[in-house]
Amino acid sequence: MPAPYTVLIADDTPDLRRALRLLLSLEGYLILEAADGVEAVDTLRQSPVPLIVLLDILMPRMSGLDVLDLLGTSADLARHVYIVMTSEQRTVDAAHTPILARHNIPLLEKPFNMTSLLAELACAASRLP
């Protein structure tokens, strides 16, 4: 990884955020966290750097899909963000798949396969400006 990339972990599970923060920090990523979609959007709006966002589908106050809708209406936000959607298998609805496909957003199911997660983040980093 030529430069440290910043990952926003947007998930309402504190233990998962903590585990991902530790793992990804060891891999050289800079980490930001959000406990729900509202915090994620606030972080996206304030970030001066491009972000890779691990965005959980189901969160309180604002879901990951609601965050996607907002990004779709804000070219400024969408330009410097690469989204990787996350979800537990049982929460993936058939309606989610076309939305993710339309936006070309990968979906990682929990519990994560760490090799797949790191590969997806490396791919995301290569696509950021």
Protein backbone atom coordinates (compact mmCIF):
# COMPACT_ATOMS: atom_id res chain seq x y z
CA MET A 1 0.00 0.00 0.00
CA PRO A 2 1.81 3.18 -1.14
CA ALA A 3 0.03 5.58 1.23
CA PRO A 4 -2.09 5.12 4.32
CA TYR A 5 -5.71 4.98 3.26
CA THR A 6 -8.50 5.87 5.63
CA VAL A 7 -11.28 3.39 6.36
CA LEU A 8 -14.55 4.47 7.94
CA ILE A 9 -16.08 1.55 9.83
CA ALA A 10 -19.82 2.28 10.02
CA ASP A 11 -21.38 -0.42 12.17
CA ASP A 12 -23.57 -0.40 15.27
CA THR A 13 -21.68 -3.27 16.95
CA PRO A 14 -18.90 -1.83 19.16
CA ASP A 15 -16.99 -5.14 19.45
CA LEU A 16 -16.89 -5.53 15.66
CA ARG A 17 -15.68 -1.95 15.20
CA ARG A 18 -12.97 -2.52 17.80
CA ALA A 19 -11.80 -5.79 16.20
CA LEU A 20 -11.74 -4.26 12.71
CA ARG A 21 -9.93 -1.16 14.02
CA LEU A 22 -7.18 -3.36 15.50
CA LEU A 23 -6.82 -5.58 12.43
CA LEU A 24 -6.92 -2.79 9.86
CA SER A 25 -4.57 -0.56 11.85
CA LEU A 26 -2.02 -3.39 11.81
CA GLU A 27 -2.44 -3.49 8.01
CA GLY A 28 -1.55 0.22 7.78
CA TYR A 29 -5.00 1.74 7.38
CA LEU A 30 -6.06 4.85 9.26
CA ILE A 31 -9.40 4.22 10.97
CA LEU A 32 -12.51 6.30 11.61
CA GLU A 33 -15.64 4.89 13.24
CA ALA A 34 -19.37 5.55 13.15
CA ALA A 35 -21.99 3.79 15.27
CA ASP A 36 -24.84 4.52 12.85
CA GLY A 37 -25.66 6.01 9.47
CA VAL A 38 -26.07 9.56 10.80
CA GLU A 39 -22.55 9.49 12.26
CA ALA A 40 -21.26 7.98 9.01
CA VAL A 41 -22.77 10.79 6.92
CA ASP A 42 -21.36 13.43 9.29
CA THR A 43 -17.92 11.84 8.98
CA LEU A 44 -18.20 11.65 5.19
CA ARG A 45 -19.14 15.33 4.99
CA GLN A 46 -16.23 16.39 7.22
CA SER A 47 -13.50 14.22 5.73
CA PRO A 48 -10.88 16.08 3.72
CA VAL A 49 -9.47 12.78 2.40
CA PRO A 50 -10.93 9.99 0.27
CA LEU A 51 -12.49 7.22 2.34
CA ILE A 52 -13.07 3.51 2.03
CA VAL A 53 -16.33 2.89 3.89
CA LEU A 54 -17.28 -0.44 5.45
CA LEU A 55 -21.00 0.30 5.64
CA ASP A 56 -23.38 -2.01 7.50
CA ILE A 57 -26.80 -2.39 5.90
CA LEU A 58 -28.78 -2.41 9.16
CA MET A 59 -28.00 0.37 11.62
CA PRO A 60 -30.07 2.59 13.89
CA ARG A 61 -31.15 6.13 12.95
CA MET A 62 -30.06 5.73 9.30
CA SER A 63 -29.44 2.45 7.50
CA GLY A 64 -26.56 1.79 5.15
CA LEU A 65 -29.01 1.86 2.24
CA ASP A 66 -30.19 5.31 3.34
CA VAL A 67 -26.57 6.45 3.35
CA LEU A 68 -26.25 5.11 -0.21
CA ASP A 69 -29.33 7.08 -1.26
CA LEU A 70 -27.81 10.24 0.17
CA LEU A 71 -24.51 9.60 -1.62
CA GLY A 72 -26.44 9.10 -4.84
CA THR A 73 -27.79 12.64 -4.56
CA SER A 74 -24.49 14.24 -3.59
CA ALA A 75 -21.82 14.11 -6.27
CA ASP A 76 -19.34 15.85 -3.95
CA LEU A 77 -19.64 13.11 -1.33
CA ALA A 78 -19.73 10.21 -3.77
CA ARG A 79 -16.62 11.37 -5.60
CA HIS A 80 -14.19 10.65 -2.77
CA VAL A 81 -15.80 7.52 -1.30
CA TYR A 82 -15.54 3.82 -2.07
CA ILE A 83 -18.28 1.78 -0.36
CA VAL A 84 -18.04 -1.84 0.72
CA MET A 85 -21.41 -2.91 2.14
CA THR A 86 -21.46 -5.35 5.05
CA SER A 87 -24.27 -7.45 6.46
CA GLU A 88 -25.09 -10.65 8.23
CA GLN A 89 -26.40 -13.28 5.81
CA ARG A 90 -29.82 -13.36 7.44
CA THR A 91 -30.31 -9.61 6.95
CA VAL A 92 -29.59 -9.56 3.22
CA ASP A 93 -32.90 -9.04 1.49
CA ALA A 94 -33.49 -9.90 -2.17
CA ALA A 95 -34.31 -6.21 -2.66
CA HIS A 96 -30.77 -5.23 -1.61
CA THR A 97 -28.99 -7.11 -4.37
CA PRO A 98 -30.19 -4.98 -7.32
CA ILE A 99 -29.42 -1.77 -5.43
CA LEU A 100 -25.87 -2.88 -4.72
CA ALA A 101 -25.40 -4.15 -8.27
CA ARG A 102 -26.70 -0.88 -9.75
CA HIS A 103 -24.11 1.06 -7.76
CA ASN A 104 -21.39 -1.58 -8.29
CA ILE A 105 -20.98 -2.01 -4.52
CA PRO A 106 -19.49 -5.22 -3.17
CA LEU A 107 -21.17 -6.99 -0.25
CA LEU A 108 -19.18 -8.74 2.45
CA GLU A 109 -21.14 -11.05 4.71
CA LYS A 110 -20.49 -11.34 8.44
CA PRO A 111 -18.68 -13.06 9.95
CA PHE A 112 -15.94 -11.78 7.67
CA ASN A 113 -13.41 -13.91 5.89
CA MET A 114 -10.39 -11.74 6.71
CA THR A 115 -8.56 -12.63 3.51
CA SER A 116 -11.57 -11.50 1.45
CA LEU A 117 -11.97 -8.35 3.54
CA LEU A 118 -8.33 -7.34 3.09
CA ALA A 119 -8.47 -8.12 -0.64
CA GLU A 120 -11.60 -5.97 -1.02
CA LEU A 121 -9.97 -3.08 0.85
CA ALA A 122 -6.85 -3.32 -1.31
CA CYS A 123 -9.08 -3.20 -4.41
CA ALA A 124 -10.91 -0.19 -2.98
CA ALA A 125 -7.64 1.60 -2.21
CA SER A 126 -6.49 1.14 -5.80
CA ARG A 127 -9.68 2.89 -7.04
CA LEU A 128 -9.55 5.95 -4.80
CA PRO A 129 -8.18 9.23 -6.14
